[in-house]
Amino acid sequence: MPQILALLAANALTINQAHQQLQCSLSSENEGWFRLEIRNTSDTQFSGDIAPVVNLSTATDEIGDFWAPLDPYSGHSYGPNQSIWIKLEPGEMLKVRLDPRDLLWDLVFSSVWPNRPLNQVVPTGRYVLYVALDGLGSYSNRLSFDW
């Protein structure tokens, strides 16, 4: 049992270090485009798998929240059971432009991998958009998105 606890503690420390090492920043551009920046803010290299996802949240819980996997190199969705390997030197930044209309979406609480365009899944309205590096606990700032 102590070995399992030590392993869990080491894993939690690794996730916490990655959270402190990678910073996400989101800015809006014209006509529904956004720019995502993932920066290594530490003085050591970051090298590892990440699972970036774009989230849309509503002001009310009537509809539910939506998510789309995001490849930070292409600005498009990636497939199931995939993660993205990145390597960033200290201070280095990865930048990508993304359009939520180009991603594949589904409800957060769904049993299927997102596989439909925004207009087939998400009702029109006002949403809060942000990016999360799943598994690392790193989140971007939140921006308004009218759909």
N, C-alpha and C. Protein backbone atom coordinates (compact mmCIF):
# COMPACT_ATOMS: atom_id res chain seq x y z
N MET A 1 0.81 -1.20 0.00
CA MET A 1 0.00 0.00 0.00
C MET A 1 0.86 1.27 0.00
N PRO A 2 1.93 1.34 0.79
CA PRO A 2 2.76 2.55 0.75
C PRO A 2 3.35 2.82 -0.63
N GLN A 3 3.66 1.75 -1.39
CA GLN A 3 4.21 1.95 -2.73
C GLN A 3 3.18 2.59 -3.65
N ILE A 4 1.92 2.17 -3.52
CA ILE A 4 0.86 2.75 -4.34
C ILE A 4 0.67 4.22 -3.99
N LEU A 5 0.68 4.54 -2.70
CA LEU A 5 0.54 5.94 -2.29
C LEU A 5 1.70 6.78 -2.78
N ALA A 6 2.91 6.23 -2.74
CA ALA A 6 4.08 6.96 -3.23
C ALA A 6 3.96 7.20 -4.73
N LEU A 7 3.48 6.20 -5.48
CA LEU A 7 3.30 6.34 -6.92
C LEU A 7 2.24 7.41 -7.23
N LEU A 8 1.12 7.38 -6.49
CA LEU A 8 0.09 8.39 -6.69
C LEU A 8 0.60 9.78 -6.37
N ALA A 9 1.36 9.91 -5.31
CA ALA A 9 1.92 11.21 -4.93
C ALA A 9 2.89 11.71 -6.00
N ALA A 10 3.73 10.82 -6.54
CA ALA A 10 4.68 11.20 -7.58
C ALA A 10 3.93 11.64 -8.84
N ASN A 11 2.86 10.93 -9.19
CA ASN A 11 2.07 11.28 -10.36
C ASN A 11 1.40 12.64 -10.16
N ALA A 12 0.85 12.88 -8.98
CA ALA A 12 0.22 14.17 -8.69
C ALA A 12 1.25 15.29 -8.77
N LEU A 13 2.46 15.05 -8.31
CA LEU A 13 3.52 16.05 -8.37
C LEU A 13 3.87 16.35 -9.83
N THR A 14 3.95 15.30 -10.66
CA THR A 14 4.26 15.49 -12.08
C THR A 14 3.19 16.33 -12.76
N ILE A 15 1.91 16.03 -12.50
CA ILE A 15 0.82 16.81 -13.09
C ILE A 15 0.88 18.25 -12.61
N ASN A 16 1.14 18.46 -11.32
CA ASN A 16 1.23 19.81 -10.78
C ASN A 16 2.40 20.57 -11.42
N GLN A 17 3.52 19.90 -11.63
CA GLN A 17 4.66 20.55 -12.26
C GLN A 17 4.33 20.95 -13.70
N ALA A 18 3.63 20.07 -14.43
CA ALA A 18 3.26 20.39 -15.81
C ALA A 18 2.29 21.56 -15.84
N HIS A 19 1.36 21.58 -14.89
CA HIS A 19 0.41 22.70 -14.81
C HIS A 19 1.17 24.01 -14.60
N GLN A 20 2.16 23.99 -13.74
CA GLN A 20 2.94 25.20 -13.48
C GLN A 20 3.85 25.53 -14.66
N GLN A 21 4.18 24.56 -15.47
CA GLN A 21 5.11 24.74 -16.57
C GLN A 21 4.44 25.24 -17.84
N LEU A 22 3.20 24.81 -18.11
CA LEU A 22 2.50 25.20 -19.34
C LEU A 22 1.38 26.17 -19.03
N GLN A 23 1.38 27.29 -19.76
CA GLN A 23 0.36 28.31 -19.58
C GLN A 23 -0.40 28.46 -20.90
N CYS A 24 -1.72 28.43 -20.83
CA CYS A 24 -2.57 28.61 -22.02
C CYS A 24 -3.15 30.01 -22.02
N SER A 25 -3.16 30.62 -23.18
CA SER A 25 -3.74 31.95 -23.33
C SER A 25 -4.57 31.96 -24.61
N LEU A 26 -5.76 32.52 -24.52
CA LEU A 26 -6.68 32.55 -25.64
C LEU A 26 -7.04 34.00 -25.94
N SER A 27 -7.02 34.38 -27.21
CA SER A 27 -7.45 35.71 -27.61
C SER A 27 -8.39 35.59 -28.80
N SER A 28 -9.31 36.55 -28.91
CA SER A 28 -10.25 36.51 -30.02
C SER A 28 -9.71 37.32 -31.19
N GLU A 29 -10.01 36.84 -32.37
CA GLU A 29 -9.66 37.55 -33.59
C GLU A 29 -10.97 37.88 -34.29
N ASN A 30 -10.91 38.21 -35.54
CA ASN A 30 -12.12 38.61 -36.26
C ASN A 30 -12.96 37.41 -36.68
N GLU A 31 -14.26 37.62 -36.77
CA GLU A 31 -15.23 36.69 -37.34
C GLU A 31 -15.17 35.28 -36.77
N GLY A 32 -15.12 35.15 -35.46
CA GLY A 32 -15.20 33.84 -34.83
C GLY A 32 -13.89 33.09 -34.69
N TRP A 33 -12.79 33.68 -35.12
CA TRP A 33 -11.48 33.03 -34.99
C TRP A 33 -10.87 33.35 -33.63
N PHE A 34 -10.10 32.40 -33.13
CA PHE A 34 -9.39 32.58 -31.86
C PHE A 34 -7.94 32.19 -32.05
N ARG A 35 -7.07 32.73 -31.21
CA ARG A 35 -5.66 32.37 -31.21
C ARG A 35 -5.34 31.76 -29.86
N LEU A 36 -4.78 30.56 -29.90
CA LEU A 36 -4.35 29.86 -28.69
C LEU A 36 -2.83 29.89 -28.64
N GLU A 37 -2.30 30.21 -27.46
CA GLU A 37 -0.87 30.16 -27.22
C GLU A 37 -0.63 29.26 -26.01
N ILE A 38 0.26 28.30 -26.19
CA ILE A 38 0.68 27.43 -25.09
C ILE A 38 2.16 27.72 -24.87
N ARG A 39 2.48 28.24 -23.69
CA ARG A 39 3.84 28.69 -23.40
C ARG A 39 4.44 27.87 -22.26
N ASN A 40 5.72 27.52 -22.44
CA ASN A 40 6.48 26.90 -21.36
C ASN A 40 7.04 28.04 -20.51
N THR A 41 6.48 28.21 -19.32
CA THR A 41 6.87 29.33 -18.45
C THR A 41 7.98 28.97 -17.47
N SER A 42 8.49 27.75 -17.56
CA SER A 42 9.52 27.35 -16.60
C SER A 42 10.92 27.53 -17.19
N ASP A 43 11.91 27.17 -16.40
CA ASP A 43 13.29 27.24 -16.87
C ASP A 43 13.81 25.86 -17.30
N THR A 44 12.87 24.90 -17.46
CA THR A 44 13.24 23.57 -17.94
C THR A 44 12.38 23.20 -19.15
N GLN A 45 12.87 22.30 -19.95
CA GLN A 45 12.15 21.84 -21.13
C GLN A 45 10.90 21.07 -20.72
N PHE A 46 9.81 21.26 -21.47
CA PHE A 46 8.62 20.41 -21.31
C PHE A 46 8.56 19.49 -22.50
N SER A 47 8.39 18.20 -22.23
CA SER A 47 8.27 17.22 -23.28
C SER A 47 7.26 16.18 -22.81
N GLY A 48 6.16 16.03 -23.55
CA GLY A 48 5.18 15.04 -23.14
C GLY A 48 3.89 15.12 -23.92
N ASP A 49 3.00 14.18 -23.60
CA ASP A 49 1.68 14.12 -24.20
C ASP A 49 0.76 15.14 -23.55
N ILE A 50 -0.03 15.80 -24.36
CA ILE A 50 -1.08 16.67 -23.84
C ILE A 50 -2.37 16.31 -24.59
N ALA A 51 -3.48 16.66 -24.02
CA ALA A 51 -4.78 16.41 -24.65
C ALA A 51 -5.59 17.71 -24.61
N PRO A 52 -5.29 18.64 -25.52
CA PRO A 52 -6.02 19.92 -25.52
C PRO A 52 -7.46 19.74 -25.98
N VAL A 53 -8.37 20.39 -25.28
CA VAL A 53 -9.78 20.38 -25.67
C VAL A 53 -10.34 21.79 -25.57
N VAL A 54 -11.24 22.11 -26.49
CA VAL A 54 -11.95 23.38 -26.46
C VAL A 54 -13.29 23.10 -25.79
N ASN A 55 -13.68 23.95 -24.86
CA ASN A 55 -14.94 23.80 -24.14
C ASN A 55 -15.85 24.98 -24.41
N LEU A 56 -17.13 24.70 -24.56
CA LEU A 56 -18.16 25.73 -24.64
C LEU A 56 -19.11 25.51 -23.48
N SER A 57 -19.26 26.55 -22.67
CA SER A 57 -20.18 26.49 -21.52
C SER A 57 -21.27 27.52 -21.71
N THR A 58 -22.46 27.18 -21.24
CA THR A 58 -23.59 28.10 -21.29
C THR A 58 -23.75 28.79 -19.94
N ALA A 59 -24.50 29.87 -19.95
CA ALA A 59 -24.77 30.57 -18.70
C ALA A 59 -25.68 29.74 -17.81
N THR A 60 -26.52 28.91 -18.41
CA THR A 60 -27.41 28.03 -17.65
C THR A 60 -27.05 26.58 -17.96
N ASP A 61 -27.50 25.67 -17.14
CA ASP A 61 -27.23 24.26 -17.37
C ASP A 61 -28.34 23.57 -18.14
N GLU A 62 -29.23 24.34 -18.74
CA GLU A 62 -30.36 23.76 -19.46
C GLU A 62 -29.91 22.93 -20.65
N ILE A 63 -28.89 23.39 -21.36
CA ILE A 63 -28.44 22.72 -22.58
C ILE A 63 -27.32 21.74 -22.28
N GLY A 64 -26.42 22.08 -21.41
CA GLY A 64 -25.23 21.29 -21.15
C GLY A 64 -24.02 21.96 -21.76
N ASP A 65 -22.86 21.42 -21.47
CA ASP A 65 -21.61 21.95 -22.00
C ASP A 65 -21.12 21.05 -23.13
N PHE A 66 -20.29 21.63 -23.99
CA PHE A 66 -19.81 20.92 -25.18
C PHE A 66 -18.28 20.95 -25.20
N TRP A 67 -17.70 19.98 -25.90
CA TRP A 67 -16.25 19.94 -26.01
C TRP A 67 -15.83 19.43 -27.38
N ALA A 68 -14.62 19.83 -27.76
CA ALA A 68 -14.02 19.39 -29.03
C ALA A 68 -12.52 19.20 -28.80
N PRO A 69 -11.97 18.06 -29.23
CA PRO A 69 -10.52 17.89 -29.14
C PRO A 69 -9.83 18.83 -30.12
N LEU A 70 -8.67 19.34 -29.73
CA LEU A 70 -7.96 20.33 -30.56
C LEU A 70 -6.50 19.95 -30.73
N ASP A 71 -6.08 19.78 -31.97
CA ASP A 71 -4.67 19.59 -32.29
C ASP A 71 -4.02 20.97 -32.34
N PRO A 72 -3.11 21.28 -31.41
CA PRO A 72 -2.55 22.64 -31.36
C PRO A 72 -1.57 22.94 -32.49
N TYR A 73 -1.29 21.98 -33.33
CA TYR A 73 -0.43 22.23 -34.49
C TYR A 73 -1.26 22.60 -35.72
N SER A 74 -2.42 21.94 -35.90
CA SER A 74 -3.22 22.16 -37.11
C SER A 74 -4.43 23.06 -36.88
N GLY A 75 -4.91 23.15 -35.62
CA GLY A 75 -6.12 23.92 -35.35
C GLY A 75 -7.39 23.13 -35.64
N HIS A 76 -7.27 21.82 -35.89
CA HIS A 76 -8.41 20.95 -36.15
C HIS A 76 -8.51 19.90 -35.06
N SER A 77 -9.58 19.11 -35.11
CA SER A 77 -9.78 18.06 -34.11
C SER A 77 -8.84 16.89 -34.36
N TYR A 78 -8.52 16.18 -33.27
CA TYR A 78 -7.78 14.93 -33.40
C TYR A 78 -8.71 13.78 -33.02
N GLY A 79 -8.31 12.55 -33.36
CA GLY A 79 -9.18 11.40 -33.21
C GLY A 79 -9.16 10.77 -31.83
N PRO A 80 -10.04 9.78 -31.64
CA PRO A 80 -10.12 9.10 -30.34
C PRO A 80 -8.83 8.35 -30.01
N ASN A 81 -8.57 8.22 -28.73
CA ASN A 81 -7.40 7.50 -28.22
C ASN A 81 -6.08 8.09 -28.71
N GLN A 82 -6.08 9.36 -29.04
CA GLN A 82 -4.87 10.04 -29.44
C GLN A 82 -4.55 11.13 -28.43
N SER A 83 -3.31 11.41 -28.32
CA SER A 83 -2.89 12.60 -27.59
C SER A 83 -1.84 13.28 -28.45
N ILE A 84 -1.46 14.45 -28.05
CA ILE A 84 -0.54 15.24 -28.86
C ILE A 84 0.78 15.36 -28.10
N TRP A 85 1.87 15.02 -28.76
CA TRP A 85 3.19 15.12 -28.16
C TRP A 85 3.75 16.51 -28.47
N ILE A 86 4.14 17.22 -27.43
CA ILE A 86 4.79 18.50 -27.67
C ILE A 86 6.10 18.55 -26.90
N LYS A 87 6.98 19.36 -27.43
CA LYS A 87 8.27 19.62 -26.79
C LYS A 87 8.51 21.11 -26.88
N LEU A 88 8.59 21.76 -25.72
CA LEU A 88 8.80 23.20 -25.69
C LEU A 88 10.00 23.51 -24.80
N GLU A 89 10.91 24.27 -25.33
CA GLU A 89 12.06 24.74 -24.55
C GLU A 89 11.60 25.84 -23.60
N PRO A 90 12.40 26.17 -22.60
CA PRO A 90 12.02 27.25 -21.67
C PRO A 90 11.67 28.53 -22.44
N GLY A 91 10.52 29.10 -22.13
CA GLY A 91 10.08 30.33 -22.77
C GLY A 91 9.48 30.15 -24.16
N GLU A 92 9.60 28.96 -24.74
CA GLU A 92 9.07 28.72 -26.08
C GLU A 92 7.54 28.65 -26.06
N MET A 93 6.93 29.05 -27.19
CA MET A 93 5.49 29.11 -27.28
C MET A 93 5.01 28.42 -28.55
N LEU A 94 3.89 27.71 -28.43
CA LEU A 94 3.21 27.10 -29.56
C LEU A 94 1.96 27.93 -29.82
N LYS A 95 1.78 28.40 -31.06
CA LYS A 95 0.63 29.25 -31.41
C LYS A 95 -0.18 28.58 -32.50
N VAL A 96 -1.50 28.71 -32.38
CA VAL A 96 -2.39 28.18 -33.42
C VAL A 96 -3.64 29.04 -33.49
N ARG A 97 -4.12 29.23 -34.72
CA ARG A 97 -5.42 29.88 -34.94
C ARG A 97 -6.47 28.79 -35.03
N LEU A 98 -7.61 29.02 -34.39
CA LEU A 98 -8.67 28.03 -34.47
C LEU A 98 -10.02 28.69 -34.70
N ASP A 99 -10.86 27.98 -35.40
CA ASP A 99 -12.23 28.41 -35.64
C ASP A 99 -13.11 27.29 -35.09
N PRO A 100 -13.91 27.56 -34.06
CA PRO A 100 -14.75 26.51 -33.47
C PRO A 100 -15.65 25.81 -34.50
N ARG A 101 -15.97 26.50 -35.58
CA ARG A 101 -16.81 25.89 -36.62
C ARG A 101 -16.08 24.81 -37.40
N ASP A 102 -14.75 24.75 -37.29
CA ASP A 102 -13.95 23.73 -37.99
C ASP A 102 -13.68 22.50 -37.14
N LEU A 103 -14.11 22.52 -35.88
CA LEU A 103 -13.84 21.40 -34.97
C LEU A 103 -15.02 20.44 -34.92
N LEU A 104 -14.78 19.25 -34.38
CA LEU A 104 -15.82 18.26 -34.19
C LEU A 104 -16.25 18.27 -32.72
N TRP A 105 -17.56 18.29 -32.47
CA TRP A 105 -18.12 18.57 -31.15
C TRP A 105 -19.03 17.47 -30.65
N ASP A 106 -19.23 17.47 -29.32
CA ASP A 106 -20.30 16.69 -28.68
C ASP A 106 -20.49 17.23 -27.28
N LEU A 107 -21.53 16.73 -26.62
CA LEU A 107 -21.76 17.10 -25.23
C LEU A 107 -20.62 16.58 -24.37
N VAL A 108 -20.30 17.30 -23.31
CA VAL A 108 -19.25 16.84 -22.40
C VAL A 108 -19.62 15.48 -21.83
N PHE A 109 -20.87 15.32 -21.42
CA PHE A 109 -21.33 14.05 -20.87
C PHE A 109 -21.98 13.24 -21.98
N SER A 110 -21.13 12.58 -22.75
CA SER A 110 -21.58 11.78 -23.88
C SER A 110 -20.72 10.53 -23.94
N SER A 111 -21.26 9.47 -24.50
CA SER A 111 -20.50 8.22 -24.59
C SER A 111 -19.77 8.08 -25.92
N VAL A 112 -19.85 9.09 -26.78
CA VAL A 112 -19.17 9.02 -28.08
C VAL A 112 -18.12 10.12 -28.18
N TRP A 113 -17.09 9.83 -28.96
CA TRP A 113 -16.05 10.83 -29.25
C TRP A 113 -16.67 11.89 -30.16
N PRO A 114 -16.37 13.17 -29.93
CA PRO A 114 -16.93 14.22 -30.79
C PRO A 114 -16.67 13.94 -32.27
N ASN A 115 -17.76 13.95 -33.06
CA ASN A 115 -17.62 13.62 -34.48
C ASN A 115 -18.57 14.40 -35.38
N ARG A 116 -19.17 15.47 -34.82
CA ARG A 116 -20.10 16.26 -35.62
C ARG A 116 -19.71 17.73 -35.62
N PRO A 117 -20.01 18.44 -36.71
CA PRO A 117 -19.71 19.88 -36.77
C PRO A 117 -20.52 20.66 -35.74
N LEU A 118 -20.03 21.82 -35.41
CA LEU A 118 -20.65 22.70 -34.42
C LEU A 118 -22.14 22.90 -34.70
N ASN A 119 -22.50 23.18 -35.96
CA ASN A 119 -23.89 23.50 -36.29
C ASN A 119 -24.84 22.31 -36.15
N GLN A 120 -24.33 21.09 -36.01
CA GLN A 120 -25.18 19.92 -35.81
C GLN A 120 -25.33 19.54 -34.35
N VAL A 121 -24.55 20.17 -33.47
CA VAL A 121 -24.54 19.76 -32.07
C VAL A 121 -24.92 20.90 -31.13
N VAL A 122 -24.39 22.07 -31.38
CA VAL A 122 -24.50 23.18 -30.44
C VAL A 122 -25.60 24.14 -30.89
N PRO A 123 -26.64 24.34 -30.07
CA PRO A 123 -27.67 25.32 -30.43
C PRO A 123 -27.09 26.73 -30.47
N THR A 124 -27.65 27.58 -31.29
CA THR A 124 -27.17 28.96 -31.36
C THR A 124 -27.39 29.64 -30.02
N GLY A 125 -26.52 30.59 -29.71
CA GLY A 125 -26.63 31.31 -28.46
C GLY A 125 -25.28 31.88 -28.04
N ARG A 126 -25.22 32.37 -26.83
CA ARG A 126 -23.99 32.94 -26.28
C ARG A 126 -23.34 31.90 -25.37
N TYR A 127 -22.03 31.70 -25.58
CA TYR A 127 -21.27 30.71 -24.82
C TYR A 127 -19.99 31.33 -24.28
N VAL A 128 -19.41 30.63 -23.34
CA VAL A 128 -18.07 30.94 -22.85
C VAL A 128 -17.16 29.87 -23.42
N LEU A 129 -16.10 30.29 -24.10
CA LEU A 129 -15.16 29.38 -24.75
C LEU A 129 -13.84 29.43 -24.00
N TYR A 130 -13.25 28.25 -23.74
CA TYR A 130 -11.92 28.18 -23.15
C TYR A 130 -11.27 26.88 -23.56
N VAL A 131 -9.96 26.81 -23.37
CA VAL A 131 -9.18 25.62 -23.71
C VAL A 131 -8.62 25.02 -22.44
N ALA A 132 -8.69 23.70 -22.35
CA ALA A 132 -8.11 22.97 -21.22
C ALA A 132 -7.08 21.98 -21.74
N LEU A 133 -5.99 21.84 -21.02
CA LEU A 133 -5.03 20.77 -21.30
C LEU A 133 -5.41 19.64 -20.37
N ASP A 134 -6.30 18.76 -20.84
CA ASP A 134 -6.83 17.70 -19.98
C ASP A 134 -5.72 16.86 -19.40
N GLY A 135 -5.87 16.54 -18.15
CA GLY A 135 -4.88 15.73 -17.43
C GLY A 135 -3.78 16.55 -16.80
N LEU A 136 -3.63 17.79 -17.22
CA LEU A 136 -2.56 18.64 -16.66
C LEU A 136 -3.11 19.72 -15.74
N GLY A 137 -4.40 19.97 -15.80
CA GLY A 137 -4.99 21.00 -14.94
C GLY A 137 -4.67 22.41 -15.37
N SER A 138 -4.32 22.60 -16.62
CA SER A 138 -4.00 23.93 -17.13
C SER A 138 -5.16 24.41 -18.01
N TYR A 139 -5.64 25.64 -17.76
CA TYR A 139 -6.77 26.20 -18.49
C TYR A 139 -6.43 27.58 -19.02
N SER A 140 -7.01 27.89 -20.17
CA SER A 140 -6.86 29.24 -20.71
C SER A 140 -7.85 30.17 -20.02
N ASN A 141 -7.73 31.44 -20.34
CA ASN A 141 -8.74 32.40 -19.95
C ASN A 141 -10.03 32.09 -20.71
N ARG A 142 -11.12 32.66 -20.28
CA ARG A 142 -12.43 32.41 -20.88
C ARG A 142 -12.87 33.62 -21.71
N LEU A 143 -13.40 33.32 -22.91
CA LEU A 143 -13.86 34.38 -23.81
C LEU A 143 -15.30 34.11 -24.25
N SER A 144 -15.99 35.17 -24.59
CA SER A 144 -17.37 35.05 -25.06
C SER A 144 -17.36 34.58 -26.52
N PHE A 145 -18.32 33.71 -26.83
CA PHE A 145 -18.46 33.19 -28.21
C PHE A 145 -19.95 33.16 -28.53
N ASP A 146 -20.36 33.97 -29.52
CA ASP A 146 -21.74 33.98 -29.96
C ASP A 146 -21.87 33.07 -31.17
N TRP A 147 -22.77 32.13 -31.05
CA TRP A 147 -22.95 31.16 -32.12
C TRP A 147 -24.39 31.19 -32.57
